[in-house]
Protein backbone atom coordinates (compact mmCIF):
# COMPACT_ATOMS: atom_id res chain seq x y z
CA UNK A 1 -23.33 4.47 60.49
CA UNK A 2 -22.17 1.97 57.91
CA UNK A 3 -20.78 -1.22 59.36
CA UNK A 4 -17.06 -1.60 58.91
CA UNK A 5 -16.48 1.91 57.57
CA UNK A 6 -13.29 3.47 58.95
CA UNK A 7 -12.22 6.95 57.94
CA UNK A 8 -8.52 7.49 58.64
CA UNK A 9 -8.77 5.32 61.72
CA UNK A 10 -11.04 7.74 63.58
CA UNK A 11 -14.47 7.06 64.96
CA UNK A 12 -17.01 9.39 63.37
CA UNK A 13 -17.89 12.55 65.28
CA UNK A 14 -21.42 13.41 66.26
CA UNK A 15 -23.40 15.89 64.23
CA UNK A 16 -23.72 19.39 65.69
CA UNK A 17 -26.87 19.90 67.72
CA UNK A 18 -27.67 18.13 70.93
CA UNK A 19 -30.66 17.67 73.19
CA UNK A 20 -30.14 18.94 76.73
CA UNK A 21 -30.43 16.73 79.79
CA UNK A 22 -33.90 18.10 80.57
CA UNK A 23 -35.10 16.91 77.16
CA UNK A 24 -33.58 13.49 77.73
CA UNK A 25 -35.16 13.16 81.15
CA UNK A 26 -38.56 14.12 79.75
CA UNK A 27 -38.36 11.69 76.83
CA UNK A 28 -36.92 8.68 78.63
CA UNK A 29 -34.61 7.64 81.43
CA UNK A 30 -31.31 9.14 82.50
CA UNK A 31 -28.58 8.02 84.91
CA UNK A 32 -25.03 9.34 85.30
CA UNK A 33 -22.04 8.51 87.47
CA UNK A 34 -18.79 10.48 87.77
CA UNK A 35 -15.71 8.60 88.96
CA UNK A 36 -12.02 9.26 89.50
CA UNK A 37 -9.99 7.90 86.61
CA UNK A 38 -7.18 6.81 88.94
CA UNK A 39 -9.35 4.95 91.45
CA UNK A 40 -8.73 1.23 91.54
CA UNK A 41 -12.43 0.33 91.47
CA UNK A 42 -13.51 2.76 88.70
CA UNK A 43 -13.99 0.12 85.97
CA UNK A 44 -15.89 -2.19 88.35
CA UNK A 45 -18.12 0.64 89.64
CA UNK A 46 -18.88 1.74 86.07
CA UNK A 47 -19.82 -1.80 85.02
CA UNK A 48 -22.02 -2.32 88.08
CA UNK A 49 -23.88 0.93 87.54
CA UNK A 50 -24.42 0.24 83.83
CA UNK A 51 -25.65 -3.32 84.32
CA UNK A 52 -27.83 -2.38 87.29
CA UNK A 53 -29.34 0.46 85.28
CA UNK A 54 -30.22 -1.56 82.18
CA UNK A 55 -31.71 -4.30 84.36
CA UNK A 56 -33.78 -1.81 86.36
CA UNK A 57 -35.05 -0.38 83.05
CA UNK A 58 -36.13 -3.87 81.92
CA UNK A 59 -33.50 -4.23 79.17
CA UNK A 60 -31.89 -7.29 80.78
CA UNK A 61 -30.91 -8.88 77.48
CA UNK A 62 -28.53 -6.00 76.82
CA UNK A 63 -26.71 -6.35 80.15
CA UNK A 64 -23.76 -8.40 78.85
CA UNK A 65 -23.19 -6.21 75.77
CA UNK A 66 -23.43 -3.01 77.81
CA UNK A 67 -21.06 -4.45 80.44
CA UNK A 68 -18.44 -5.24 77.79
CA UNK A 69 -18.80 -1.87 76.01
CA UNK A 70 -18.49 0.02 79.31
CA UNK A 71 -15.44 -2.09 80.24
CA UNK A 72 -13.72 -1.28 76.95
CA UNK A 73 -14.55 2.43 76.94
CA UNK A 74 -13.67 3.00 80.61
CA UNK A 75 -10.52 0.90 80.16
CA UNK A 76 -9.47 3.15 77.27
CA UNK A 77 -9.86 6.22 79.47
CA UNK A 78 -7.86 4.65 82.28
CA UNK A 79 -5.07 3.65 79.87
CA UNK A 80 -4.96 6.63 77.53
CA UNK A 81 -6.73 9.69 78.90
CA UNK A 82 -4.88 10.36 82.14
CA UNK A 83 -1.95 12.10 80.51
CA UNK A 84 -1.52 15.73 79.60
CA UNK A 85 -0.94 19.07 81.22
CA UNK A 86 -3.97 19.07 83.55
CA UNK A 87 -2.87 15.72 84.97
CA UNK A 88 0.28 17.37 86.26
CA UNK A 89 -1.53 20.27 88.00
CA UNK A 90 -1.31 19.97 91.78
CA UNK A 91 -4.57 18.75 93.25
CA UNK A 92 -6.14 17.87 89.90
CA UNK A 93 -8.09 14.63 89.94
CA UNK A 94 -8.97 13.39 86.43
CA UNK A 95 -12.61 12.38 86.10
CA UNK A 96 -14.67 10.08 83.93
CA UNK A 97 -18.44 10.31 83.57
CA UNK A 98 -20.61 7.38 82.53
CA UNK A 99 -24.09 8.32 81.35
CA UNK A 100 -26.95 6.07 80.28
CA UNK A 101 -29.99 7.44 78.47
CA UNK A 102 -32.96 5.41 77.36
CA UNK A 103 -35.42 6.81 74.88
CA UNK A 104 -38.35 4.81 73.56
CA UNK A 105 -36.30 3.24 70.74
CA UNK A 106 -32.67 3.59 71.85
CA UNK A 107 -30.26 3.09 74.71
CA UNK A 108 -27.27 5.44 74.70
CA UNK A 109 -24.15 4.66 76.72
CA UNK A 110 -21.71 7.58 76.95
CA UNK A 111 -18.25 7.71 78.49
CA UNK A 112 -16.80 11.22 78.85
CA UNK A 113 -13.24 12.10 79.83
CA UNK A 114 -10.91 15.11 79.94
CA UNK A 115 -8.66 14.08 77.03
CA UNK A 116 -9.41 16.00 73.82
CA UNK A 117 -7.63 13.50 71.55
CA UNK A 118 -10.14 11.64 69.36
CA UNK A 119 -10.45 7.90 69.81
CA UNK A 120 -8.83 5.95 67.00
CA UNK A 121 -9.38 2.56 65.51
CA UNK A 122 -6.52 0.52 64.13
CA UNK A 123 -6.56 0.84 60.34
CA UNK A 124 -6.84 -2.90 59.99
CA UNK A 125 -5.67 -6.14 61.38
CA UNK A 126 -2.13 -6.90 60.35
CA UNK A 127 -2.99 -10.56 59.94
CA UNK A 128 -6.05 -12.40 58.72
CA UNK A 129 -7.51 -15.20 60.82
CA UNK A 130 -5.94 -17.90 58.65
CA UNK A 131 -2.45 -16.45 58.92
CA UNK A 132 -2.79 -15.63 62.63
CA UNK A 133 -3.12 -19.31 63.53
CA UNK A 134 0.42 -19.95 62.26
CA UNK A 135 2.07 -16.96 63.96
CA UNK A 136 3.55 -16.94 67.42
CA UNK A 137 1.61 -14.89 69.98
CA UNK A 138 4.44 -12.35 70.15
CA UNK A 139 3.64 -11.17 66.60
CA UNK A 140 -0.10 -10.66 67.16
CA UNK A 141 -1.33 -7.23 68.29
CA UNK A 142 -2.12 -7.08 72.00
CA UNK A 143 -4.13 -3.85 71.98
CA UNK A 144 -6.44 -1.87 69.75
CA UNK A 145 -9.26 -4.38 69.65
CA UNK A 146 -11.53 -2.73 72.22
CA UNK A 147 -13.20 -0.23 69.89
CA UNK A 148 -13.68 -2.99 67.31
CA UNK A 149 -15.54 -4.98 69.96
CA UNK A 150 -17.66 -1.96 70.88
CA UNK A 151 -18.50 -1.30 67.22
CA UNK A 152 -19.51 -4.94 66.81
CA UNK A 153 -21.82 -5.01 69.83
CA UNK A 154 -23.45 -1.59 69.51
CA UNK A 155 -25.71 -0.46 66.67
CA UNK A 156 -23.85 2.85 66.44
CA UNK A 157 -20.64 4.33 67.89
CA UNK A 158 -19.37 7.89 67.61
CA UNK A 159 -17.52 10.54 69.57
CA UNK A 160 -18.03 14.22 70.17
CA UNK A 161 -15.67 16.87 71.56
CA UNK A 162 -16.57 18.41 74.92
CA UNK A 163 -17.60 22.06 75.13
CA UNK A 164 -14.64 22.96 77.38
CA UNK A 165 -12.22 20.22 76.31
CA UNK A 166 -12.32 16.49 76.65
CA UNK A 167 -14.56 14.21 74.65
CA UNK A 168 -17.39 11.71 74.87
CA UNK A 169 -17.63 8.33 73.18
CA UNK A 170 -21.22 7.19 72.68
CA UNK A 171 -22.69 3.76 71.90
CA UNK A 172 -26.26 3.36 70.66
CA UNK A 173 -28.27 0.19 71.10
CA UNK A 174 -31.52 -0.05 69.12
CA UNK A 175 -34.67 -1.08 70.99
CA UNK A 176 -38.06 -2.15 69.64
CA UNK A 177 -41.32 -0.21 70.06
CA UNK A 178 -41.74 -1.52 73.60
CA UNK A 179 -38.21 -0.57 74.69
CA UNK A 180 -36.79 -4.08 74.35
CA UNK A 181 -33.48 -4.84 72.67
CA UNK A 182 -33.95 -5.88 69.05
């Protein structure tokens, strides 16, 4: 993915064709956690699992970047993806699934939710850094920066629609030949 490329404010979608979980498990490491979107400790639990996983896999230097990406992606789900018709169904509990996959040269962090709307990036900052210093805080945007942060930290970011609705947002971190962060 080209750095800084934004097409109509949408993150790029994944190419068709995926490797099943059995293939991932055979080629590397796999860990997943499903949480309730509405639970108060969901973001904290997701961060703890992600950081604990990358540390247990010996990719300690990625822990802070993974923690921040998971925080932003899970936070987006909590803020934006708990609306819609299914949310109003009696007894429905919206879910979020955090998955980490490590292959020899990559770490993939995936956050899946039930909302089919694609994630969007702001089309651009309304103010450059020089102008922003002279503006009162009330005029500066207070949201929309999370996916910019994720795109800055990760080596690749994309989304893919779910087979039966929903979507997944995936971050890729490049590793060297020995599985260490580059």
